[in-house]
Amino acid sequence: MAEVTGLSRTTLSGIIGQLLSDAVLLEEAAPAPGAPAGRGRPVHRLVLNPNSAQAYEGDLYAKTYGK
């Protein structure tokens, strides 16, 4: 996500932490498919909470596709 958005890992960590705290995002218990095994923190898949009543908007398209 850092490469796509241009945000630092620290900034993304703060944003994701807040979204998890607000229950907008949920962290799946199983590791994400293709996640590397081994040392370090395990990689988990983040999913939108279907029961969250909040709405967020983001524009990754322009950053990703240069438009």
Protein backbone atom coordinates (compact mmCIF):
# COMPACT_ATOMS: atom_id res chain seq x y z
CA MET A 1 0.00 0.00 0.00
CA ALA A 2 2.87 2.36 0.70
CA GLU A 3 4.06 2.14 -2.90
CA VAL A 4 0.58 2.65 -4.32
CA THR A 5 -0.41 5.56 -2.09
CA GLY A 6 2.96 7.24 -1.67
CA LEU A 7 2.38 7.36 2.09
CA SER A 8 4.97 6.17 4.58
CA ARG A 9 4.52 2.87 6.40
CA THR A 10 4.22 4.81 9.65
CA THR A 11 1.40 6.95 8.27
CA LEU A 12 -0.40 3.91 6.86
CA SER A 13 0.01 2.07 10.14
CA GLY A 14 -1.65 4.96 11.98
CA ILE A 15 -4.53 5.17 9.51
CA ILE A 16 -5.10 1.42 9.50
CA GLY A 17 -4.84 1.29 13.29
CA GLN A 18 -7.56 3.93 13.59
CA LEU A 19 -9.79 2.15 11.08
CA LEU A 20 -9.34 -1.10 13.02
CA SER A 21 -10.08 0.72 16.28
CA ASP A 22 -13.24 2.21 14.76
CA ALA A 23 -14.22 -1.28 13.50
CA VAL A 24 -14.33 -0.04 9.89
CA LEU A 25 -11.69 -2.63 9.00
CA LEU A 26 -11.44 -6.15 10.36
CA GLU A 27 -8.32 -8.28 10.50
CA GLU A 28 -8.82 -11.85 9.36
CA ALA A 29 -7.32 -14.50 11.60
CA ALA A 30 -5.73 -16.45 8.76
CA PRO A 31 -2.65 -15.02 7.06
CA ALA A 32 -3.18 -13.44 3.67
CA PRO A 33 -2.65 -15.76 0.70
CA GLY A 34 0.93 -15.61 -0.50
CA ALA A 35 2.10 -14.00 2.75
CA PRO A 36 5.72 -14.88 3.41
CA ALA A 37 6.27 -17.23 6.32
CA GLY A 38 9.17 -16.86 8.66
CA ARG A 39 10.58 -14.06 10.76
CA GLY A 40 8.90 -10.80 11.54
CA ARG A 41 5.28 -9.94 12.06
CA PRO A 42 2.85 -12.13 10.15
CA VAL A 43 0.94 -10.49 7.32
CA HIS A 44 -2.84 -10.49 7.75
CA ARG A 45 -5.61 -9.66 5.33
CA LEU A 46 -7.67 -6.58 6.13
CA VAL A 47 -11.31 -6.55 5.09
CA LEU A 48 -14.05 -3.93 5.26
CA ASN A 49 -16.51 -4.55 8.08
CA PRO A 50 -19.86 -5.14 6.38
CA ASN A 51 -21.61 -4.02 9.58
CA SER A 52 -19.82 -0.67 9.77
CA ALA A 53 -22.15 2.27 9.28
CA GLN A 54 -19.32 4.62 8.30
CA ALA A 55 -18.32 5.61 4.80
CA TYR A 56 -14.81 6.50 3.65
CA GLU A 57 -13.62 7.66 0.29
CA GLY A 58 -10.20 7.17 -1.19
CA ASP A 59 -8.64 7.80 -4.57
CA LEU A 60 -5.97 5.23 -5.30
CA TYR A 61 -6.75 5.18 -9.02
CA ALA A 62 -5.04 8.48 -9.81
CA LYS A 63 -1.91 7.52 -7.88
CA THR A 64 -1.85 4.03 -9.36
CA TYR A 65 -2.66 4.82 -12.98
CA GLY A 66 -1.34 8.37 -13.23
CA LYS A 67 -4.67 10.00 -14.05
